[in-house]
Amino acid sequence: MRERYGQAKRLASTLNLPREQWLQLRQLGIGSSDAAASVGLSPYKSALSLWLEKTGRKPAEDLSDKAPVFWGTMLEPVLATVYAEQTGRKVRRVNAVLQSPQHQHMLANLDREVRCGRDGNGILEIKTASYHSAPQWEEGIPVAYQCQVLHQLAVTGLDWADVAVLIGGQDFRIYRIERDDDKILDLCEREDGFWQQVTQDQQPSPDGSDDAGRALSWMFPRDQGITLDLSESMEANSLFGTLLALRAKQDDLSLLEAQTRQQLQNILGTASAAVFADGKVSWKKTKDRTSPDLDKLSADYPDLLPQYSKTVEGSRRFLIHTARSAA
C-alpha cells in the first residue's frame, strides 16, 4: 500500500533515482524550491529564467558542487536529529516527489515529515545560512522560504511546518509557519498563472532583476545589425519615454548624492571616519599596489605581449540615443 502524505499523491520515489530522471520529473511542474521564482519573489532567480528551464529552452544549472548546497546537504540529517532532540518530535525522511491532487503541476519534496500526536503531522524544512545572511532571519523567515513552505502545505494539505535553520554554523533556530488558506489560495493562483505561461509558451515579462538581465543576454547573445522602426508603436514609444524620464531622475539623484557625499568628505577632512546617530562613514586610503606596466612592456618587448594575450568575448551594450544626441 502506498503511503500518503496528507492529501498529496506520491508521484515517484526518489530512492536511487538517477539525476536524469529527477530532472525529467522536475519538468512536470513547479517544485517547492521553484515557488518563489514562479511568482516573482525570489532574490536569486526570475520568473523568466524559470520559464526558460521549464519550457526546455535552457537546462537548469547544476548547483550540487556549490559550497552552500554541499554543506546544506551534508548537514541536513544532523540538523534533523537536533530538531528531533530539541522538540521531542519524531521525524522521518520522505523519499518521494509529491503532487497536489487539485493542481497537478504543483510538486514538492519534503526534507522531513514530522510526526506529532498533539499537533498532527507537519513538515520540517531544513536550512543552513551563512553569518552574512543572519540579518535576513532577524524578522522571521525570508519571504522566498515562506513561499516554499506554503507551497508544501498547499501540496500536502497539512496544517503546519517548522523551518529549522543553522545560521553561521552555531545559531540554531526553529520557526513555525501555520497554514493560511488565504495566502495559499493566492500562491496557487499565481503559480497557476505562471504554469499557464509555460504550457502556452508565453514568455513572462522581465522583472528588472539582475537574473532577468542575464536571462535576456542568454536569449539574445548577439545582434544582427538590424534597426527596427518603432516610431509608430505606441507601446514602444511609451516605454522609451518612461526610460528617458527615469534616466533624468537618476542623473539628478546621482548628482545630489555626489554633492552630499562631498560635503561630508569636506567635514571629515583628514579624519578616517565619522559616527552619526544612525550609522557611520569611513574615508580611508587603500593600500598601494603593484601592477604590471603593459605600455612599457609592449615598448621594450613588442613581440612578447601578443604571446600572452587572449580574446575576451564581447557582450551587447544597451545605449540610449535621443533625437537631440542623434542629431
C-alpha atoms as a PDB file:
ATOM      1  CA  MET A   1       0.000   0.000   0.000  1.00  0.00           C
ATOM      2  CA  ARG A   2       1.394   3.402  -0.982  1.00  0.00           C
ATOM      3  CA  GLU A   3       1.961   5.841   1.857  1.00  0.00           C
ATOM      4  CA  ARG A   4       0.258   9.203   1.650  1.00  0.00           C
ATOM      5  CA  TYR A   5       1.497  12.499   2.983  1.00  0.00           C
ATOM      6  CA  GLY A   6      -1.594  14.470   3.854  1.00  0.00           C
ATOM      7  CA  GLN A   7      -3.666  14.806   0.696  1.00  0.00           C
ATOM      8  CA  ALA A   8      -0.667  14.605  -1.665  1.00  0.00           C
ATOM      9  CA  LYS A   9      -0.196  11.935  -4.278  1.00  0.00           C
ATOM     10  CA  ARG A  10       3.109  10.083  -4.261  1.00  0.00           C
ATOM     11  CA  LEU A  11       4.221  10.717  -7.836  1.00  0.00           C
ATOM     12  CA  ALA A  12       7.561   8.910  -7.741  1.00  0.00           C
ATOM     13  CA  SER A  13      10.145   7.502  -5.360  1.00  0.00           C
ATOM     14  CA  THR A  14      13.454   9.354  -5.146  1.00  0.00           C
ATOM     15  CA  LEU A  15      15.388   6.412  -3.716  1.00  0.00           C
ATOM     16  CA  ASN A  16      18.299   5.660  -6.054  1.00  0.00           C
ATOM     17  CA  LEU A  17      16.698   7.901  -8.677  1.00  0.00           C
ATOM     18  CA  PRO A  18      19.178   8.814 -11.453  1.00  0.00           C
ATOM     19  CA  ARG A  19      19.749  12.530 -11.932  1.00  0.00           C
ATOM     20  CA  GLU A  20      18.356  12.474 -15.485  1.00  0.00           C
ATOM     21  CA  GLN A  21      15.048  11.012 -14.284  1.00  0.00           C
ATOM     22  CA  TRP A  22      14.989  13.513 -11.427  1.00  0.00           C
ATOM     23  CA  LEU A  23      15.361  16.362 -13.915  1.00  0.00           C
ATOM     24  CA  GLN A  24      12.577  14.913 -16.061  1.00  0.00           C
ATOM     25  CA  LEU A  25      10.263  14.856 -13.032  1.00  0.00           C
ATOM     26  CA  ARG A  26      11.073  18.490 -12.276  1.00  0.00           C
ATOM     27  CA  GLN A  27       9.934  19.444 -15.771  1.00  0.00           C
ATOM     28  CA  LEU A  28       6.430  18.181 -14.962  1.00  0.00           C
ATOM     29  CA  GLY A  29       5.600  21.126 -12.753  1.00  0.00           C
ATOM     30  CA  ILE A  30       6.615  23.705 -10.179  1.00  0.00           C
ATOM     31  CA  GLY A  31       8.585  22.316  -7.263  1.00  0.00           C
ATOM     32  CA  SER A  32       8.577  23.907  -3.824  1.00  0.00           C
ATOM     33  CA  SER A  33      12.058  25.376  -4.442  1.00  0.00           C
ATOM     34  CA  ASP A  34      10.652  26.934  -7.661  1.00  0.00           C
ATOM     35  CA  ALA A  35       7.661  28.548  -5.956  1.00  0.00           C
ATOM     36  CA  ALA A  36       9.187  31.924  -5.087  1.00  0.00           C
ATOM     37  CA  ALA A  37      10.746  32.331  -8.543  1.00  0.00           C
ATOM     38  CA  SER A  38       7.488  31.447 -10.290  1.00  0.00           C
ATOM     39  CA  VAL A  39       5.654  34.305  -8.551  1.00  0.00           C
ATOM     40  CA  GLY A  40       8.488  36.843  -8.719  1.00  0.00           C
ATOM     41  CA  LEU A  41       9.557  36.696  -5.062  1.00  0.00           C
ATOM     42  CA  SER A  42      12.936  35.003  -5.330  1.00  0.00           C
ATOM     43  CA  PRO A  43      16.035  37.169  -4.793  1.00  0.00           C
ATOM     44  CA  TYR A  44      18.079  34.707  -6.841  1.00  0.00           C
ATOM     45  CA  LYS A  45      16.027  33.610  -9.841  1.00  0.00           C
ATOM     46  CA  SER A  46      13.490  35.431 -12.011  1.00  0.00           C
ATOM     47  CA  ALA A  47      10.281  34.011 -13.440  1.00  0.00           C
ATOM     48  CA  LEU A  48      11.853  34.463 -16.881  1.00  0.00           C
ATOM     49  CA  SER A  49      14.809  32.206 -16.021  1.00  0.00           C
ATOM     50  CA  LEU A  50      12.486  29.593 -14.537  1.00  0.00           C
ATOM     51  CA  TRP A  51      10.287  29.738 -17.660  1.00  0.00           C
ATOM     52  CA  LEU A  52      13.331  29.114 -19.872  1.00  0.00           C
ATOM     53  CA  GLU A  53      14.056  25.995 -17.820  1.00  0.00           C
ATOM     54  CA  LYS A  54      10.501  24.681 -17.635  1.00  0.00           C
ATOM     55  CA  THR A  55       9.942  25.119 -21.388  1.00  0.00           C
ATOM     56  CA  GLY A  56      13.126  23.157 -22.084  1.00  0.00           C
ATOM     57  CA  ARG A  57      14.948  26.073 -23.681  1.00  0.00           C
ATOM     58  CA  LYS A  58      17.723  26.183 -21.113  1.00  0.00           C
ATOM     59  CA  PRO A  59      18.981  23.415 -18.796  1.00  0.00           C
ATOM     60  CA  ALA A  60      18.741  24.100 -15.089  1.00  0.00           C
ATOM     61  CA  GLU A  61      22.066  24.977 -13.505  1.00  0.00           C
ATOM     62  CA  ASP A  62      23.655  22.120 -11.570  1.00  0.00           C
ATOM     63  CA  LEU A  63      24.169  23.554  -8.091  1.00  0.00           C
ATOM     64  CA  SER A  64      25.349  20.346  -6.435  1.00  0.00           C
ATOM     65  CA  ASP A  65      29.003  21.406  -6.469  1.00  0.00           C
ATOM     66  CA  LYS A  66      28.278  24.817  -4.909  1.00  0.00           C
ATOM     67  CA  ALA A  67      29.563  25.098  -1.348  1.00  0.00           C
ATOM     68  CA  PRO A  68      26.252  26.256   0.249  1.00  0.00           C
ATOM     69  CA  VAL A  69      24.361  23.391  -1.418  1.00  0.00           C
ATOM     70  CA  PHE A  70      27.045  20.852  -0.499  1.00  0.00           C
ATOM     71  CA  TRP A  71      27.083  21.826   3.167  1.00  0.00           C
ATOM     72  CA  GLY A  72      23.312  22.087   3.292  1.00  0.00           C
ATOM     73  CA  THR A  73      23.041  18.504   2.047  1.00  0.00           C
ATOM     74  CA  MET A  74      25.729  17.233   4.407  1.00  0.00           C
ATOM     75  CA  LEU A  75      24.224  18.931   7.468  1.00  0.00           C
ATOM     76  CA  GLU A  76      20.583  18.111   6.737  1.00  0.00           C
ATOM     77  CA  PRO A  77      20.497  14.781   8.673  1.00  0.00           C
ATOM     78  CA  VAL A  78      22.431  16.341  11.550  1.00  0.00           C
ATOM     79  CA  LEU A  79      20.002  19.247  11.854  1.00  0.00           C
ATOM     80  CA  ALA A  80      17.021  16.895  11.573  1.00  0.00           C
ATOM     81  CA  THR A  81      18.407  14.992  14.565  1.00  0.00           C
ATOM     82  CA  VAL A  82      18.968  18.214  16.519  1.00  0.00           C
ATOM     83  CA  TYR A  83      15.390  19.304  15.766  1.00  0.00           C
ATOM     84  CA  ALA A  84      14.016  15.962  16.978  1.00  0.00           C
ATOM     85  CA  GLU A  85      16.068  16.128  20.184  1.00  0.00           C
ATOM     86  CA  GLN A  86      15.070  19.721  20.964  1.00  0.00           C
ATOM     87  CA  THR A  87      11.361  19.294  20.246  1.00  0.00           C
ATOM     88  CA  GLY A  88      10.820  15.679  21.242  1.00  0.00           C
ATOM     89  CA  ARG A  89       9.029  15.059  17.941  1.00  0.00           C
ATOM     90  CA  LYS A  90       9.642  12.167  15.595  1.00  0.00           C
ATOM     91  CA  VAL A  91      10.896  12.979  12.098  1.00  0.00           C
ATOM     92  CA  ARG A  92      11.322  10.736   9.098  1.00  0.00           C
ATOM     93  CA  ARG A  93      12.539  11.062   5.551  1.00  0.00           C
ATOM     94  CA  VAL A  94      10.097  11.449   2.696  1.00  0.00           C
ATOM     95  CA  ASN A  95      11.815   9.819  -0.249  1.00  0.00           C
ATOM     96  CA  ALA A  96       9.257  10.849  -2.837  1.00  0.00           C
ATOM     97  CA  VAL A  97       8.119  13.519  -5.235  1.00  0.00           C
ATOM     98  CA  LEU A  98       4.663  14.594  -4.080  1.00  0.00           C
ATOM     99  CA  GLN A  99       1.913  16.030  -6.276  1.00  0.00           C
ATOM    100  CA  SER A 100      -1.100  18.154  -5.448  1.00  0.00           C
ATOM    101  CA  PRO A 101      -4.392  16.449  -6.376  1.00  0.00           C
ATOM    102  CA  GLN A 102      -6.049  19.810  -7.175  1.00  0.00           C
ATOM    103  CA  HIS A 103      -3.115  21.465  -9.006  1.00  0.00           C
ATOM    104  CA  GLN A 104      -1.203  18.669 -10.687  1.00  0.00           C
ATOM    105  CA  HIS A 105       1.596  20.992 -11.769  1.00  0.00           C
ATOM    106  CA  MET A 106       2.405  21.683  -8.103  1.00  0.00           C
ATOM    107  CA  LEU A 107       5.083  19.262  -6.905  1.00  0.00           C
ATOM    108  CA  ALA A 108       7.008  19.037  -3.643  1.00  0.00           C
ATOM    109  CA  ASN A 109       9.909  17.299  -1.980  1.00  0.00           C
ATOM    110  CA  LEU A 110       9.904  17.412   1.809  1.00  0.00           C
ATOM    111  CA  ASP A 111      13.110  17.348   3.838  1.00  0.00           C
ATOM    112  CA  ARG A 112      11.306  15.503   6.631  1.00  0.00           C
ATOM    113  CA  GLU A 113       7.797  14.681   7.790  1.00  0.00           C
ATOM    114  CA  VAL A 114       7.138  15.435  11.461  1.00  0.00           C
ATOM    115  CA  ARG A 115       5.015  13.032  13.489  1.00  0.00           C
ATOM    116  CA  CYS A 116       3.321  14.885  16.339  1.00  0.00           C
ATOM    117  CA  GLY A 117       0.282  13.414  18.030  1.00  0.00           C
ATOM    118  CA  ARG A 118      -0.796  16.666  19.687  1.00  0.00           C
ATOM    119  CA  ASP A 119      -0.464  18.969  16.667  1.00  0.00           C
ATOM    120  CA  GLY A 120      -0.970  16.374  13.968  1.00  0.00           C
ATOM    121  CA  ASN A 121       1.614  15.643  11.311  1.00  0.00           C
ATOM    122  CA  GLY A 122       3.617  18.513   9.877  1.00  0.00           C
ATOM    123  CA  ILE A 123       6.585  19.363   7.683  1.00  0.00           C
ATOM    124  CA  LEU A 124      10.203  20.069   8.589  1.00  0.00           C
ATOM    125  CA  GLU A 125      12.135  22.294   6.173  1.00  0.00           C
ATOM    126  CA  ILE A 126      15.863  22.475   6.957  1.00  0.00           C
ATOM    127  CA  LYS A 127      18.076  25.417   6.029  1.00  0.00           C
ATOM    128  CA  THR A 128      21.669  26.481   6.548  1.00  0.00           C
ATOM    129  CA  ALA A 129      22.623  30.146   6.331  1.00  0.00           C
ATOM    130  CA  SER A 130      25.946  31.944   6.413  1.00  0.00           C
ATOM    131  CA  TYR A 131      26.842  34.529   9.046  1.00  0.00           C
ATOM    132  CA  HIS A 132      26.333  37.253   6.439  1.00  0.00           C
ATOM    133  CA  SER A 133      22.765  36.013   5.839  1.00  0.00           C
ATOM    134  CA  ALA A 134      21.817  36.327   9.502  1.00  0.00           C
ATOM    135  CA  PRO A 135      20.085  39.740   9.141  1.00  0.00           C
ATOM    136  CA  GLN A 136      17.628  38.171   6.682  1.00  0.00           C
ATOM    137  CA  TRP A 137      16.344  35.959   9.511  1.00  0.00           C
ATOM    138  CA  GLU A 138      16.026  38.594  12.240  1.00  0.00           C
ATOM    139  CA  GLU A 139      12.391  39.392  11.447  1.00  0.00           C
ATOM    140  CA  GLY A 140      11.399  35.799  10.746  1.00  0.00           C
ATOM    141  CA  ILE A 141      11.587  33.522   7.742  1.00  0.00           C
ATOM    142  CA  PRO A 142      12.671  35.207   4.473  1.00  0.00           C
ATOM    143  CA  VAL A 143       9.815  35.625   2.003  1.00  0.00           C
ATOM    144  CA  ALA A 144      11.243  33.192  -0.559  1.00  0.00           C
ATOM    145  CA  TYR A 145      11.341  30.413   2.033  1.00  0.00           C
ATOM    146  CA  GLN A 146       7.837  31.294   3.198  1.00  0.00           C
ATOM    147  CA  CYS A 147       6.677  30.716  -0.394  1.00  0.00           C
ATOM    148  CA  GLN A 148       8.476  27.379  -0.440  1.00  0.00           C
ATOM    149  CA  VAL A 149       6.795  26.184   2.746  1.00  0.00           C
ATOM    150  CA  LEU A 150       3.324  27.497   1.832  1.00  0.00           C
ATOM    151  CA  HIS A 151       3.699  25.605  -1.452  1.00  0.00           C
ATOM    152  CA  GLN A 152       4.457  22.428   0.507  1.00  0.00           C
ATOM    153  CA  LEU A 153       1.423  22.975   2.733  1.00  0.00           C
ATOM    154  CA  ALA A 154      -0.695  23.507  -0.391  1.00  0.00           C
ATOM    155  CA  VAL A 155       0.504  20.241  -1.928  1.00  0.00           C
ATOM    156  CA  THR A 156       0.130  18.148   1.218  1.00  0.00           C
ATOM    157  CA  GLY A 157      -2.880  19.819   2.818  1.00  0.00           C
ATOM    158  CA  LEU A 158      -1.071  19.734   6.183  1.00  0.00           C
ATOM    159  CA  ASP A 159      -1.656  22.443   8.774  1.00  0.00           C
ATOM    160  CA  TRP A 160       1.832  23.465   9.867  1.00  0.00           C
ATOM    161  CA  ALA A 161       5.515  23.385   9.110  1.00  0.00           C
ATOM    162  CA  ASP A 162       8.656  24.114  11.084  1.00  0.00           C
ATOM    163  CA  VAL A 163      11.671  25.722   9.453  1.00  0.00           C
ATOM    164  CA  ALA A 164      14.892  24.759  11.235  1.00  0.00           C
ATOM    165  CA  VAL A 165      17.868  26.913  10.293  1.00  0.00           C
ATOM    166  CA  LEU A 166      21.512  26.854  11.346  1.00  0.00           C
ATOM    167  CA  ILE A 167      22.996  30.346  10.996  1.00  0.00           C
ATOM    168  CA  GLY A 168      26.734  30.872  10.925  1.00  0.00           C
ATOM    169  CA  GLY A 169      27.416  27.294  11.966  1.00  0.00           C
ATOM    170  CA  GLN A 170      26.255  27.710  15.565  1.00  0.00           C
ATOM    171  CA  ASP A 171      22.963  29.615  15.861  1.00  0.00           C
ATOM    172  CA  PHE A 172      20.166  27.029  15.574  1.00  0.00           C
ATOM    173  CA  ARG A 173      16.621  28.387  15.329  1.00  0.00           C
ATOM    174  CA  ILE A 174      13.165  26.936  14.748  1.00  0.00           C
ATOM    175  CA  TYR A 175      10.373  28.972  13.155  1.00  0.00           C
ATOM    176  CA  ARG A 176       6.753  27.846  12.806  1.00  0.00           C
ATOM    177  CA  ILE A 177       4.521  28.520   9.793  1.00  0.00           C
ATOM    178  CA  GLU A 178       0.830  27.816  10.318  1.00  0.00           C
ATOM    179  CA  ARG A 179      -1.431  27.067   7.397  1.00  0.00           C
ATOM    180  CA  ASP A 180      -3.004  30.235   5.975  1.00  0.00           C
ATOM    181  CA  ASP A 181      -5.609  29.338   3.378  1.00  0.00           C
ATOM    182  CA  ASP A 182      -5.855  32.890   2.017  1.00  0.00           C
ATOM    183  CA  LYS A 183      -2.117  33.066   1.369  1.00  0.00           C
ATOM    184  CA  ILE A 184      -2.132  29.557  -0.078  1.00  0.00           C
ATOM    185  CA  LEU A 185      -5.017  30.401  -2.421  1.00  0.00           C
ATOM    186  CA  ASP A 186      -3.161  33.499  -3.638  1.00  0.00           C
ATOM    187  CA  LEU A 187       0.044  31.499  -4.155  1.00  0.00           C
ATOM    188  CA  CYS A 188      -1.797  28.759  -6.052  1.00  0.00           C
ATOM    189  CA  GLU A 189      -3.488  31.271  -8.341  1.00  0.00           C
ATOM    190  CA  ARG A 190      -0.183  32.968  -9.126  1.00  0.00           C
ATOM    191  CA  GLU A 191       1.569  29.647  -9.724  1.00  0.00           C
ATOM    192  CA  ASP A 192      -1.335  28.600 -11.977  1.00  0.00           C
ATOM    193  CA  GLY A 193      -0.731  31.767 -13.997  1.00  0.00           C
ATOM    194  CA  PHE A 194       2.963  31.009 -14.368  1.00  0.00           C
ATOM    195  CA  TRP A 195       2.319  27.399 -15.373  1.00  0.00           C
ATOM    196  CA  GLN A 196      -0.174  28.590 -17.974  1.00  0.00           C
ATOM    197  CA  GLN A 197       2.647  30.671 -19.453  1.00  0.00           C
ATOM    198  CA  VAL A 198       4.772  27.506 -19.586  1.00  0.00           C
ATOM    199  CA  THR A 199       2.124  25.323 -21.222  1.00  0.00           C
ATOM    200  CA  GLN A 200       1.087  28.054 -23.683  1.00  0.00           C
ATOM    201  CA  ASP A 201       4.703  29.051 -24.390  1.00  0.00           C
ATOM    202  CA  GLN A 202       4.091  32.670 -23.377  1.00  0.00           C
ATOM    203  CA  GLN A 203       7.209  34.441 -22.154  1.00  0.00           C
ATOM    204  CA  PRO A 204       6.938  36.242 -18.782  1.00  0.00           C
ATOM    205  CA  SER A 205       7.919  39.904 -18.764  1.00  0.00           C
ATOM    206  CA  PRO A 206      11.399  40.705 -17.417  1.00  0.00           C
ATOM    207  CA  ASP A 207      11.155  41.948 -13.835  1.00  0.00           C
ATOM    208  CA  GLY A 208      14.169  44.268 -13.678  1.00  0.00           C
ATOM    209  CA  SER A 209      16.321  41.884 -11.620  1.00  0.00           C
ATOM    210  CA  ASP A 210      19.945  41.084 -12.447  1.00  0.00           C
ATOM    211  CA  ASP A 211      18.892  37.500 -13.128  1.00  0.00           C
ATOM    212  CA  ALA A 212      16.302  38.624 -15.687  1.00  0.00           C
ATOM    213  CA  GLY A 213      19.032  40.673 -17.353  1.00  0.00           C
ATOM    214  CA  ARG A 214      21.245  37.593 -17.568  1.00  0.00           C
ATOM    215  CA  ALA A 215      18.331  35.612 -18.981  1.00  0.00           C
ATOM    216  CA  LEU A 216      17.811  38.185 -21.738  1.00  0.00           C
ATOM    217  CA  SER A 217      21.537  38.132 -22.545  1.00  0.00           C
ATOM    218  CA  TRP A 218      21.346  34.345 -22.795  1.00  0.00           C
ATOM    219  CA  MET A 219      18.283  34.532 -25.062  1.00  0.00           C
ATOM    220  CA  PHE A 220      19.720  37.214 -27.344  1.00  0.00           C
ATOM    221  CA  PRO A 221      23.532  36.998 -27.112  1.00  0.00           C
ATOM    222  CA  ARG A 222      24.188  38.676 -30.489  1.00  0.00           C
ATOM    223  CA  ASP A 223      22.597  41.336 -32.644  1.00  0.00           C
ATOM    224  CA  GLN A 224      22.154  41.040 -36.410  1.00  0.00           C
ATOM    225  CA  GLY A 225      22.768  44.653 -37.379  1.00  0.00           C
ATOM    226  CA  ILE A 226      19.074  45.346 -37.996  1.00  0.00           C
ATOM    227  CA  THR A 227      17.394  48.621 -36.954  1.00  0.00           C
ATOM    228  CA  LEU A 228      13.728  48.331 -36.013  1.00  0.00           C
ATOM    229  CA  ASP A 229      11.473  51.278 -36.803  1.00  0.00           C
ATOM    230  CA  LEU A 230       9.256  51.592 -33.720  1.00  0.00           C
ATOM    231  CA  SER A 231       8.350  55.234 -34.278  1.00  0.00           C
ATOM    232  CA  GLU A 232       4.677  54.294 -34.862  1.00  0.00           C
ATOM    233  CA  SER A 233       4.427  51.884 -31.936  1.00  0.00           C
ATOM    234  CA  MET A 234       2.543  53.481 -29.039  1.00  0.00           C
ATOM    235  CA  GLU A 235       3.687  50.815 -26.568  1.00  0.00           C
ATOM    236  CA  ALA A 236       7.367  51.022 -27.545  1.00  0.00           C
ATOM    237  CA  ASN A 237       7.390  54.829 -27.560  1.00  0.00           C
ATOM    238  CA  SER A 238       5.701  54.893 -24.169  1.00  0.00           C
ATOM    239  CA  LEU A 239       8.401  52.592 -22.773  1.00  0.00           C
ATOM    240  CA  PHE A 240      11.149  54.723 -24.316  1.00  0.00           C
ATOM    241  CA  GLY A 241       9.635  57.893 -22.862  1.00  0.00           C
ATOM    242  CA  THR A 242       9.429  56.282 -19.429  1.00  0.00           C
ATOM    243  CA  LEU A 243      13.055  55.186 -19.705  1.00  0.00           C
ATOM    244  CA  LEU A 244      14.191  58.733 -20.576  1.00  0.00           C
ATOM    245  CA  ALA A 245      12.238  60.186 -17.651  1.00  0.00           C
ATOM    246  CA  LEU A 246      13.707  57.639 -15.228  1.00  0.00           C
ATOM    247  CA  ARG A 247      17.214  58.298 -16.531  1.00  0.00           C
ATOM    248  CA  ALA A 248      16.744  62.034 -15.964  1.00  0.00           C
ATOM    249  CA  LYS A 249      15.617  61.408 -12.376  1.00  0.00           C
ATOM    250  CA  GLN A 250      18.534  59.020 -11.861  1.00  0.00           C
ATOM    251  CA  ASP A 251      21.006  61.632 -13.110  1.00  0.00           C
ATOM    252  CA  ASP A 252      19.510  64.236 -10.760  1.00  0.00           C
ATOM    253  CA  LEU A 253      19.685  61.832  -7.804  1.00  0.00           C
ATOM    254  CA  SER A 254      23.265  60.814  -8.678  1.00  0.00           C
ATOM    255  CA  LEU A 255      24.315  64.473  -8.717  1.00  0.00           C
ATOM    256  CA  LEU A 256      22.549  65.144  -5.408  1.00  0.00           C
ATOM    257  CA  GLU A 257      24.185  62.074  -3.855  1.00  0.00           C
ATOM    258  CA  ALA A 258      27.637  63.190  -5.064  1.00  0.00           C
ATOM    259  CA  GLN A 259      27.131  66.690  -3.660  1.00  0.00           C
ATOM    260  CA  THR A 260      26.024  65.324  -0.274  1.00  0.00           C
ATOM    261  CA  ARG A 261      28.907  62.844  -0.163  1.00  0.00           C
ATOM    262  CA  GLN A 262      31.442  65.574  -0.970  1.00  0.00           C
ATOM    263  CA  GLN A 263      30.040  67.844   1.741  1.00  0.00           C
ATOM    264  CA  LEU A 264      30.560  65.059   4.267  1.00  0.00           C
ATOM    265  CA  GLN A 265      34.085  64.459   2.955  1.00  0.00           C
ATOM    266  CA  ASN A 266      34.780  68.166   3.425  1.00  0.00           C
ATOM    267  CA  ILE A 267      33.640  67.885   7.053  1.00  0.00           C
ATOM    268  CA  LEU A 268      35.805  64.792   7.641  1.00  0.00           C
ATOM    269  CA  GLY A 269      38.933  66.441   6.278  1.00  0.00           C
ATOM    270  CA  THR A 270      41.831  64.224   7.413  1.00  0.00           C
ATOM    271  CA  ALA A 271      39.683  62.117   9.764  1.00  0.00           C
ATOM    272  CA  SER A 272      39.381  58.425   8.898  1.00  0.00           C
ATOM    273  CA  ALA A 273      35.754  58.010   9.944  1.00  0.00           C
ATOM    274  CA  ALA A 274      32.738  59.702  11.471  1.00  0.00           C
ATOM    275  CA  VAL A 275      29.918  58.376  13.622  1.00  0.00           C
ATOM    276  CA  PHE A 276      26.326  59.609  13.333  1.00  0.00           C
ATOM    277  CA  ALA A 277      23.131  58.918  15.221  1.00  0.00           C
ATOM    278  CA  ASP A 278      22.067  56.384  12.592  1.00  0.00           C
ATOM    279  CA  GLY A 279      25.368  54.940  11.382  1.00  0.00           C
ATOM    280  CA  LYS A 280      28.945  55.551  10.358  1.00  0.00           C
ATOM    281  CA  VAL A 281      31.046  56.550   7.335  1.00  0.00           C
ATOM    282  CA  SER A 282      34.731  55.951   6.668  1.00  0.00           C
ATOM    283  CA  TRP A 283      37.134  57.646   4.238  1.00  0.00           C
ATOM    284  CA  LYS A 284      40.426  55.782   4.211  1.00  0.00           C
ATOM    285  CA  LYS A 285      43.272  55.459   1.746  1.00  0.00           C
ATOM    286  CA  THR A 286      43.658  51.987   0.285  1.00  0.00           C
ATOM    287  CA  LYS A 287      46.998  50.226   0.313  1.00  0.00           C
ATOM    288  CA  ASP A 288      49.354  50.876  -2.576  1.00  0.00           C
ATOM    289  CA  ARG A 289      49.539  48.022  -5.039  1.00  0.00           C
ATOM    290  CA  THR A 290      51.913  46.940  -7.754  1.00  0.00           C
ATOM    291  CA  SER A 291      50.592  46.307 -11.241  1.00  0.00           C
ATOM    292  CA  PRO A 292      52.387  45.463 -14.496  1.00  0.00           C
ATOM    293  CA  ASP A 293      53.252  48.407 -16.758  1.00  0.00           C
ATOM    294  CA  LEU A 294      51.900  46.991 -20.007  1.00  0.00           C
ATOM    295  CA  ASP A 295      52.791  50.083 -22.009  1.00  0.00           C
ATOM    296  CA  LYS A 296      56.468  49.798 -21.032  1.00  0.00           C
ATOM    297  CA  LEU A 297      56.439  46.035 -21.530  1.00  0.00           C
ATOM    298  CA  SER A 298      54.992  46.410 -25.004  1.00  0.00           C
ATOM    299  CA  ALA A 299      57.529  49.107 -25.898  1.00  0.00           C
ATOM    300  CA  ASP A 300      60.535  47.129 -24.640  1.00  0.00           C
ATOM    301  CA  TYR A 301      59.379  43.700 -25.863  1.00  0.00           C
ATOM    302  CA  PRO A 302      56.880  44.279 -28.708  1.00  0.00           C
ATOM    303  CA  ASP A 303      56.864  40.600 -29.725  1.00  0.00           C
ATOM    304  CA  LEU A 304      56.297  39.251 -26.232  1.00  0.00           C
ATOM    305  CA  LEU A 305      52.941  40.726 -25.204  1.00  0.00           C
ATOM    306  CA  PRO A 306      50.911  39.221 -28.098  1.00  0.00           C
ATOM    307  CA  GLN A 307      52.015  35.752 -26.957  1.00  0.00           C
ATOM    308  CA  TYR A 308      50.194  36.270 -23.664  1.00  0.00           C
ATOM    309  CA  SER A 309      47.070  37.926 -24.989  1.00  0.00           C
ATOM    310  CA  LYS A 310      43.639  36.310 -25.168  1.00  0.00           C
ATOM    311  CA  THR A 311      40.343  37.168 -26.801  1.00  0.00           C
ATOM    312  CA  VAL A 312      37.548  38.178 -24.428  1.00  0.00           C
ATOM    313  CA  GLU A 313      34.118  37.643 -25.930  1.00  0.00           C
ATOM    314  CA  GLY A 314      32.163  40.844 -26.340  1.00  0.00           C
ATOM    315  CA  SER A 315      28.710  41.450 -24.905  1.00  0.00           C
ATOM    316  CA  ARG A 316      25.792  43.531 -26.083  1.00  0.00           C
ATOM    317  CA  ARG A 317      25.636  47.081 -24.704  1.00  0.00           C
ATOM    318  CA  PHE A 318      22.333  48.894 -24.345  1.00  0.00           C
ATOM    319  CA  LEU A 319      22.938  52.562 -25.221  1.00  0.00           C
ATOM    320  CA  ILE A 320      20.367  55.392 -25.359  1.00  0.00           C
ATOM    321  CA  HIS A 321      20.396  57.974 -28.126  1.00  0.00           C
ATOM    322  CA  THR A 322      17.807  60.740 -28.054  1.00  0.00           C
ATOM    323  CA  ALA A 323      16.746  62.728 -31.111  1.00  0.00           C
ATOM    324  CA  ARG A 324      18.947  65.592 -29.891  1.00  0.00           C
ATOM    325  CA  SER A 325      22.041  63.396 -29.397  1.00  0.00           C
ATOM    326  CA  ALA A 326      21.454  61.640 -32.730  1.00  0.00           C
ATOM    327  CA  ALA A 327      21.409  64.984 -34.481  1.00  0.00           C
END
